Amino acid sequence: KSSEELALIREGARVCDLGGAAVVEAIAPGVPEF
């Protein structure tokens, strides 16, 4: 990967972390997976 690709990949990983935090926010008994 080039330096430009690596910068984009780092941002993508950061967005995934935000998505993970959102998953935890929404988890509760009785809530469907979707």
PDB file of all heavy atoms in Angstrom:
ATOM      1  N   LYS A   1       0.818  -1.207   0.000  1.00  0.00           N
ATOM      2  CA  LYS A   1       0.000   0.000   0.000  1.00  0.00           C
ATOM      3  C   LYS A   1       0.859   1.267   0.000  1.00  0.00           C
ATOM      4  O   LYS A   1       1.933   1.315   0.612  1.00  0.00           O
ATOM      5  CB  LYS A   1      -0.928   0.005   1.217  1.00  0.00           C
ATOM      6  CG  LYS A   1      -1.772  -1.265   1.393  1.00  0.00           C
ATOM      7  CD  LYS A   1      -2.681  -1.515   0.207  1.00  0.00           C
ATOM      8  CE  LYS A   1      -3.717  -2.600   0.464  1.00  0.00           C
ATOM      9  NZ  LYS A   1      -3.180  -3.954   0.535  1.00  0.00           N
ATOM     10  N   SER A   2       0.341   2.294  -0.658  1.00  0.00           N
ATOM     11  CA  SER A   2       0.994   3.604  -0.669  1.00  0.00           C
ATOM     12  C   SER A   2       0.594   4.386   0.578  1.00  0.00           C
ATOM     13  O   SER A   2      -0.316   4.004   1.321  1.00  0.00           O
ATOM     14  CB  SER A   2       0.566   4.383  -1.909  1.00  0.00           C
ATOM     15  OG  SER A   2      -0.805   4.746  -1.814  1.00  0.00           O
ATOM     16  N   SER A   3       1.252   5.521   0.784  1.00  0.00           N
ATOM     17  CA  SER A   3       0.913   6.363   1.940  1.00  0.00           C
ATOM     18  C   SER A   3      -0.517   6.883   1.833  1.00  0.00           C
ATOM     19  O   SER A   3      -1.220   7.011   2.849  1.00  0.00           O
ATOM     20  CB  SER A   3       1.898   7.519   2.050  1.00  0.00           C
ATOM     21  OG  SER A   3       1.885   8.314   0.868  1.00  0.00           O
ATOM     22  N   GLU A   4      -0.985   7.168   0.621  1.00  0.00           N
ATOM     23  CA  GLU A   4      -2.356   7.640   0.448  1.00  0.00           C
ATOM     24  C   GLU A   4      -3.355   6.531   0.760  1.00  0.00           C
ATOM     25  O   GLU A   4      -4.401   6.774   1.380  1.00  0.00           O
ATOM     26  CB  GLU A   4      -2.572   8.163  -0.974  1.00  0.00           C
ATOM     27  CG  GLU A   4      -1.818   9.454  -1.265  1.00  0.00           C
ATOM     28  CD  GLU A   4      -2.186  10.055  -2.608  1.00  0.00           C
ATOM     29  OE1 GLU A   4      -3.344   9.875  -3.061  1.00  0.00           O
ATOM     30  OE2 GLU A   4      -1.319  10.702  -3.220  1.00  0.00           O
ATOM     31  N   GLU A   5      -3.055   5.317   0.343  1.00  0.00           N
ATOM     32  CA  GLU A   5      -3.930   4.195   0.680  1.00  0.00           C
ATOM     33  C   GLU A   5      -3.973   3.969   2.184  1.00  0.00           C
ATOM     34  O   GLU A   5      -5.043   3.749   2.760  1.00  0.00           O
ATOM     35  CB  GLU A   5      -3.433   2.923   0.001  1.00  0.00           C
ATOM     36  CG  GLU A   5      -3.680   2.853  -1.492  1.00  0.00           C
ATOM     37  CD  GLU A   5      -3.165   1.552  -2.074  1.00  0.00           C
ATOM     38  OE1 GLU A   5      -1.946   1.424  -2.238  1.00  0.00           O
ATOM     39  OE2 GLU A   5      -3.986   0.656  -2.345  1.00  0.00           O
ATOM     40  N   LEU A   6      -2.820   4.029   2.828  1.00  0.00           N
ATOM     41  CA  LEU A   6      -2.776   3.787   4.265  1.00  0.00           C
ATOM     42  C   LEU A   6      -3.575   4.834   5.032  1.00  0.00           C
ATOM     43  O   LEU A   6      -4.236   4.513   6.029  1.00  0.00           O
ATOM     44  CB  LEU A   6      -1.324   3.761   4.748  1.00  0.00           C
ATOM     45  CG  LEU A   6      -0.473   2.597   4.218  1.00  0.00           C
ATOM     46  CD1 LEU A   6       0.953   2.708   4.737  1.00  0.00           C
ATOM     47  CD2 LEU A   6      -1.079   1.252   4.592  1.00  0.00           C
ATOM     48  N   ALA A   7      -3.543   6.080   4.567  1.00  0.00           N
ATOM     49  CA  ALA A   7      -4.340   7.122   5.222  1.00  0.00           C
ATOM     50  C   ALA A   7      -5.830   6.810   5.115  1.00  0.00           C
ATOM     51  O   ALA A   7      -6.584   6.970   6.092  1.00  0.00           O
ATOM     52  CB  ALA A   7      -4.021   8.479   4.598  1.00  0.00           C
ATOM     53  N   LEU A   8      -6.258   6.349   3.950  1.00  0.00           N
ATOM     54  CA  LEU A   8      -7.666   5.989   3.753  1.00  0.00           C
ATOM     55  C   LEU A   8      -8.043   4.780   4.596  1.00  0.00           C
ATOM     56  O   LEU A   8      -9.131   4.729   5.201  1.00  0.00           O
ATOM     57  CB  LEU A   8      -7.922   5.705   2.273  1.00  0.00           C
ATOM     58  CG  LEU A   8      -9.383   5.483   1.857  1.00  0.00           C
ATOM     59  CD1 LEU A   8     -10.166   6.784   1.980  1.00  0.00           C
ATOM     60  CD2 LEU A   8      -9.471   4.948   0.442  1.00  0.00           C
ATOM     61  N   ILE A   9      -7.159   3.796   4.665  1.00  0.00           N
ATOM     62  CA  ILE A   9      -7.411   2.585   5.439  1.00  0.00           C
ATOM     63  C   ILE A   9      -7.528   2.919   6.926  1.00  0.00           C
ATOM     64  O   ILE A   9      -8.395   2.368   7.629  1.00  0.00           O
ATOM     65  CB  ILE A   9      -6.302   1.554   5.171  1.00  0.00           C
ATOM     66  CG1 ILE A   9      -6.460   0.980   3.754  1.00  0.00           C
ATOM     67  CG2 ILE A   9      -6.305   0.442   6.215  1.00  0.00           C
ATOM     68  CD1 ILE A   9      -5.280   0.175   3.274  1.00  0.00           C
ATOM     69  N   ARG A  10      -6.689   3.813   7.435  1.00  0.00           N
ATOM     70  CA  ARG A  10      -6.793   4.220   8.842  1.00  0.00           C
ATOM     71  C   ARG A  10      -8.154   4.842   9.129  1.00  0.00           C
ATOM     72  O   ARG A  10      -8.764   4.577  10.166  1.00  0.00           O
ATOM     73  CB  ARG A  10      -5.683   5.211   9.187  1.00  0.00           C
ATOM     74  CG  ARG A  10      -4.306   4.596   9.330  1.00  0.00           C
ATOM     75  CD  ARG A  10      -3.304   5.608   9.885  1.00  0.00           C
ATOM     76  NE  ARG A  10      -1.992   5.004  10.088  1.00  0.00           N
ATOM     77  CZ  ARG A  10      -1.023   4.994   9.186  1.00  0.00           C
ATOM     78  NH1 ARG A  10      -1.227   5.579   7.999  1.00  0.00           N
ATOM     79  NH2 ARG A  10       0.135   4.409   9.454  1.00  0.00           N
ATOM     80  N   GLU A  11      -8.617   5.679   8.212  1.00  0.00           N
ATOM     81  CA  GLU A  11      -9.925   6.302   8.406  1.00  0.00           C
ATOM     82  C   GLU A  11     -11.044   5.255   8.387  1.00  0.00           C
ATOM     83  O   GLU A  11     -11.992   5.325   9.161  1.00  0.00           O
ATOM     84  CB  GLU A  11     -10.172   7.355   7.326  1.00  0.00           C
ATOM     85  CG  GLU A  11      -9.537   8.694   7.623  1.00  0.00           C
ATOM     86  CD  GLU A  11     -10.185   9.342   8.846  1.00  0.00           C
ATOM     87  OE1 GLU A  11     -11.272   9.934   8.713  1.00  0.00           O
ATOM     88  OE2 GLU A  11      -9.594   9.237   9.944  1.00  0.00           O
ATOM     89  N   GLY A  12     -10.929   4.293   7.486  1.00  0.00           N
ATOM     90  CA  GLY A  12     -11.930   3.235   7.438  1.00  0.00           C
ATOM     91  C   GLY A  12     -11.992   2.441   8.728  1.00  0.00           C
ATOM     92  O   GLY A  12     -13.078   2.093   9.216  1.00  0.00           O
ATOM     93  N   ALA A  13     -10.825   2.151   9.304  1.00  0.00           N
ATOM     94  CA  ALA A  13     -10.789   1.427  10.575  1.00  0.00           C
ATOM     95  C   ALA A  13     -11.420   2.257  11.687  1.00  0.00           C
ATOM     96  O   ALA A  13     -12.121   1.727  12.563  1.00  0.00           O
ATOM     97  CB  ALA A  13      -9.352   1.058  10.926  1.00  0.00           C
ATOM     98  N   ARG A  14     -11.178   3.568  11.657  1.00  0.00           N
ATOM     99  CA  ARG A  14     -11.789   4.454  12.663  1.00  0.00           C
ATOM    100  C   ARG A  14     -13.312   4.432  12.552  1.00  0.00           C
ATOM    101  O   ARG A  14     -14.022   4.391  13.572  1.00  0.00           O
ATOM    102  CB  ARG A  14     -11.254   5.878  12.491  1.00  0.00           C
ATOM    103  CG  ARG A  14     -11.775   6.860  13.537  1.00  0.00           C
ATOM    104  CD  ARG A  14     -11.300   8.271  13.244  1.00  0.00           C
ATOM    105  NE  ARG A  14     -11.855   8.787  12.003  1.00  0.00           N
ATOM    106  CZ  ARG A  14     -13.080   9.308  11.889  1.00  0.00           C
ATOM    107  NH1 ARG A  14     -13.876   9.366  12.935  1.00  0.00           N
ATOM    108  NH2 ARG A  14     -13.502   9.762  10.720  1.00  0.00           N
ATOM    109  N   VAL A  15     -13.817   4.437  11.331  1.00  0.00           N
ATOM    110  CA  VAL A  15     -15.268   4.390  11.130  1.00  0.00           C
ATOM    111  C   VAL A  15     -15.827   3.071  11.647  1.00  0.00           C
ATOM    112  O   VAL A  15     -16.912   3.029  12.255  1.00  0.00           O
ATOM    113  CB  VAL A  15     -15.610   4.607   9.645  1.00  0.00           C
ATOM    114  CG1 VAL A  15     -17.100   4.374   9.392  1.00  0.00           C
ATOM    115  CG2 VAL A  15     -15.215   6.015   9.199  1.00  0.00           C
ATOM    116  N   CYS A  16     -15.114   1.975  11.435  1.00  0.00           N
ATOM    117  CA  CYS A  16     -15.561   0.682  11.968  1.00  0.00           C
ATOM    118  C   CYS A  16     -15.649   0.711  13.489  1.00  0.00           C
ATOM    119  O   CYS A  16     -16.587   0.147  14.081  1.00  0.00           O
ATOM    120  CB  CYS A  16     -14.611  -0.430  11.524  1.00  0.00           C
ATOM    121  SG  CYS A  16     -14.725  -0.853   9.786  1.00  0.00           S
ATOM    122  N   ASP A  17     -14.686   1.353  14.138  1.00  0.00           N
ATOM    123  CA  ASP A  17     -14.739   1.482  15.592  1.00  0.00           C
ATOM    124  C   ASP A  17     -15.984   2.244  16.041  1.00  0.00           C
ATOM    125  O   ASP A  17     -16.626   1.885  17.037  1.00  0.00           O
ATOM    126  CB  ASP A  17     -13.489   2.196  16.108  1.00  0.00           C
ATOM    127  CG  ASP A  17     -12.243   1.323  16.060  1.00  0.00           C
ATOM    128  OD1 ASP A  17     -12.387   0.090  15.935  1.00  0.00           O
ATOM    129  OD2 ASP A  17     -11.132   1.870  16.153  1.00  0.00           O
ATOM    130  N   LEU A  18     -16.321   3.304  15.304  1.00  0.00           N
ATOM    131  CA  LEU A  18     -17.541   4.053  15.619  1.00  0.00           C
ATOM    132  C   LEU A  18     -18.772   3.166  15.447  1.00  0.00           C
ATOM    133  O   LEU A  18     -19.715   3.222  16.252  1.00  0.00           O
ATOM    134  CB  LEU A  18     -17.653   5.281  14.713  1.00  0.00           C
ATOM    135  CG  LEU A  18     -16.637   6.402  14.942  1.00  0.00           C
ATOM    136  CD1 LEU A  18     -16.835   7.502  13.909  1.00  0.00           C
ATOM    137  CD2 LEU A  18     -16.760   6.964  16.348  1.00  0.00           C
ATOM    138  N   GLY A  19     -18.771   2.353  14.404  1.00  0.00           N
ATOM    139  CA  GLY A  19     -19.872   1.418  14.202  1.00  0.00           C
ATOM    140  C   GLY A  19     -19.969   0.419  15.335  1.00  0.00           C
ATOM    141  O   GLY A  19     -21.072   0.062  15.776  1.00  0.00           O
ATOM    142  N   GLY A  20     -18.818  -0.042  15.838  1.00  0.00           N
ATOM    143  CA  GLY A  20     -18.822  -0.966  16.960  1.00  0.00           C
ATOM    144  C   GLY A  20     -19.428  -0.342  18.209  1.00  0.00           C
ATOM    145  O   GLY A  20     -20.215  -0.981  18.929  1.00  0.00           O
ATOM    146  N   ALA A  21     -19.073   0.914  18.469  1.00  0.00           N
ATOM    147  CA  ALA A  21     -19.655   1.614  19.617  1.00  0.00           C
ATOM    148  C   ALA A  21     -21.166   1.757  19.451  1.00  0.00           C
ATOM    149  O   ALA A  21     -21.925   1.643  20.425  1.00  0.00           O
ATOM    150  CB  ALA A  21     -18.999   2.985  19.772  1.00  0.00           C
ATOM    151  N   ALA A  22     -21.620   1.977  18.216  1.00  0.00           N
ATOM    152  CA  ALA A  22     -23.058   2.093  17.963  1.00  0.00           C
ATOM    153  C   ALA A  22     -23.768   0.766  18.188  1.00  0.00           C
ATOM    154  O   ALA A  22     -24.914   0.729  18.666  1.00  0.00           O
ATOM    155  CB  ALA A  22     -23.288   2.587  16.533  1.00  0.00           C
ATOM    156  N   VAL A  23     -23.108  -0.338  17.857  1.00  0.00           N
ATOM    157  CA  VAL A  23     -23.682  -1.660  18.136  1.00  0.00           C
ATOM    158  C   VAL A  23     -23.923  -1.815  19.632  1.00  0.00           C
ATOM    159  O   VAL A  23     -25.003  -2.230  20.085  1.00  0.00           O
ATOM    160  CB  VAL A  23     -22.759  -2.779  17.607  1.00  0.00           C
ATOM    161  CG1 VAL A  23     -23.172  -4.128  18.195  1.00  0.00           C
ATOM    162  CG2 VAL A  23     -22.809  -2.845  16.088  1.00  0.00           C
ATOM    163  N   VAL A  24     -22.920  -1.485  20.419  1.00  0.00           N
ATOM    164  CA  VAL A  24     -23.044  -1.618  21.876  1.00  0.00           C
ATOM    165  C   VAL A  24     -24.172  -0.732  22.407  1.00  0.00           C
ATOM    166  O   VAL A  24     -24.928  -1.136  23.301  1.00  0.00           O
ATOM    167  CB  VAL A  24     -21.701  -1.278  22.551  1.00  0.00           C
ATOM    168  CG1 VAL A  24     -21.852  -1.227  24.071  1.00  0.00           C
ATOM    169  CG2 VAL A  24     -20.641  -2.305  22.163  1.00  0.00           C
ATOM    170  N   GLU A  25     -24.314   0.458  21.837  1.00  0.00           N
ATOM    171  CA  GLU A  25     -25.396   1.360  22.256  1.00  0.00           C
ATOM    172  C   GLU A  25     -26.774   0.732  22.061  1.00  0.00           C
ATOM    173  O   GLU A  25     -27.684   0.953  22.861  1.00  0.00           O
ATOM    174  CB  GLU A  25     -25.349   2.656  21.439  1.00  0.00           C
ATOM    175  CG  GLU A  25     -24.222   3.605  21.785  1.00  0.00           C
ATOM    176  CD  GLU A  25     -24.205   4.804  20.858  1.00  0.00           C
ATOM    177  OE1 GLU A  25     -25.005   4.851  19.903  1.00  0.00           O
ATOM    178  OE2 GLU A  25     -23.368   5.697  21.087  1.00  0.00           O
ATOM    179  N   ALA A  26     -26.922  -0.030  21.000  1.00  0.00           N
ATOM    180  CA  ALA A  26     -28.251  -0.538  20.620  1.00  0.00           C
ATOM    181  C   ALA A  26     -28.579  -1.899  21.216  1.00  0.00           C
ATOM    182  O   ALA A  26     -29.719  -2.349  21.135  1.00  0.00           O
ATOM    183  CB  ALA A  26     -28.351  -0.609  19.095  1.00  0.00           C
ATOM    184  N   ILE A  27     -27.596  -2.563  21.807  1.00  0.00           N
ATOM    185  CA  ILE A  27     -27.823  -3.910  22.332  1.00  0.00           C
ATOM    186  C   ILE A  27     -28.672  -3.862  23.599  1.00  0.00           C
ATOM    187  O   ILE A  27     -28.386  -3.108  24.526  1.00  0.00           O
ATOM    188  CB  ILE A  27     -26.472  -4.594  22.626  1.00  0.00           C
ATOM    189  CG1 ILE A  27     -25.788  -5.000  21.317  1.00  0.00           C
ATOM    190  CG2 ILE A  27     -26.667  -5.814  23.521  1.00  0.00           C
ATOM    191  CD1 ILE A  27     -24.391  -5.556  21.516  1.00  0.00           C
ATOM    192  N   ALA A  28     -29.708  -4.684  23.622  1.00  0.00           N
ATOM    193  CA  ALA A  28     -30.554  -4.838  24.809  1.00  0.00           C
ATOM    194  C   ALA A  28     -31.421  -6.078  24.625  1.00  0.00           C
ATOM    195  O   ALA A  28     -31.711  -6.479  23.491  1.00  0.00           O
ATOM    196  CB  ALA A  28     -31.440  -3.604  25.018  1.00  0.00           C
ATOM    197  N   PRO A  29     -31.839  -6.717  25.700  1.00  0.00           N
ATOM    198  CA  PRO A  29     -32.742  -7.869  25.573  1.00  0.00           C
ATOM    199  C   PRO A  29     -34.008  -7.484  24.809  1.00  0.00           C
ATOM    200  O   PRO A  29     -34.583  -6.410  25.026  1.00  0.00           O
ATOM    201  CB  PRO A  29     -33.066  -8.230  27.023  1.00  0.00           C
ATOM    202  CG  PRO A  29     -31.912  -7.711  27.814  1.00  0.00           C
ATOM    203  CD  PRO A  29     -31.492  -6.453  27.123  1.00  0.00           C
ATOM    204  N   GLY A  30     -34.413  -8.359  23.890  1.00  0.00           N
ATOM    205  CA  GLY A  30     -35.625  -8.126  23.120  1.00  0.00           C
ATOM    206  C   GLY A  30     -35.429  -7.360  21.829  1.00  0.00           C
ATOM    207  O   GLY A  30     -36.362  -7.274  21.022  1.00  0.00           O
ATOM    208  N   VAL A  31     -34.231  -6.819  21.592  1.00  0.00           N
ATOM    209  CA  VAL A  31     -33.963  -6.074  20.357  1.00  0.00           C
ATOM    210  C   VAL A  31     -33.520  -7.055  19.271  1.00  0.00           C
ATOM    211  O   VAL A  31     -32.612  -7.860  19.498  1.00  0.00           O
ATOM    212  CB  VAL A  31     -32.876  -5.007  20.574  1.00  0.00           C
ATOM    213  CG1 VAL A  31     -32.568  -4.276  19.266  1.00  0.00           C
ATOM    214  CG2 VAL A  31     -33.308  -4.017  21.647  1.00  0.00           C
ATOM    215  N   PRO A  32     -34.120  -7.028  18.086  1.00  0.00           N
ATOM    216  CA  PRO A  32     -33.703  -7.942  17.015  1.00  0.00           C
ATOM    217  C   PRO A  32     -32.306  -7.600  16.478  1.00  0.00           C
ATOM    218  O   PRO A  32     -31.872  -6.446  16.538  1.00  0.00           O
ATOM    219  CB  PRO A  32     -34.759  -7.721  15.918  1.00  0.00           C
ATOM    220  CG  PRO A  32     -35.893  -7.023  16.580  1.00  0.00           C
ATOM    221  CD  PRO A  32     -35.293  -6.228  17.695  1.00  0.00           C
ATOM    222  N   GLU A  33     -31.633  -8.606  15.957  1.00  0.00           N
ATOM    223  CA  GLU A  33     -30.303  -8.399  15.373  1.00  0.00           C
ATOM    224  C   GLU A  33     -30.313  -7.264  14.347  1.00  0.00           C
ATOM    225  O   GLU A  33     -29.425  -6.398  14.351  1.00  0.00           O
ATOM    226  CB  GLU A  33     -29.828  -9.684  14.692  1.00  0.00           C
ATOM    227  CG  GLU A  33     -29.530 -10.834  15.621  1.00  0.00           C
ATOM    228  CD  GLU A  33     -29.145 -12.099  14.886  1.00  0.00           C
ATOM    229  OE1 GLU A  33     -29.123 -12.092  13.626  1.00  0.00           O
ATOM    230  OE2 GLU A  33     -28.863 -13.116  15.546  1.00  0.00           O
ATOM    231  N   PHE A  34     -31.309  -7.259  13.469  1.00  0.00           N
ATOM    232  CA  PHE A  34     -31.294  -6.292  12.375  1.00  0.00           C
ATOM    233  C   PHE A  34     -31.459  -4.859  12.868  1.00  0.00           C
ATOM    234  O   PHE A  34     -30.923  -3.926  12.255  1.00  0.00           O
ATOM    235  CB  PHE A  34     -32.359  -6.630  11.322  1.00  0.00           C
ATOM    236  CG  PHE A  34     -33.784  -6.344  11.724  1.00  0.00           C
ATOM    237  CD1 PHE A  34     -34.354  -5.101  11.475  1.00  0.00           C
ATOM    238  CD2 PHE A  34     -34.542  -7.325  12.339  1.00  0.00           C
ATOM    239  CE1 PHE A  34     -35.666  -4.848  11.846  1.00  0.00           C
ATOM    240  CE2 PHE A  34     -35.855  -7.066  12.705  1.00  0.00           C
ATOM    241  CZ  PHE A  34     -36.427  -5.822  12.472  1.00  0.00           C
TER     242      PHE A  34
END
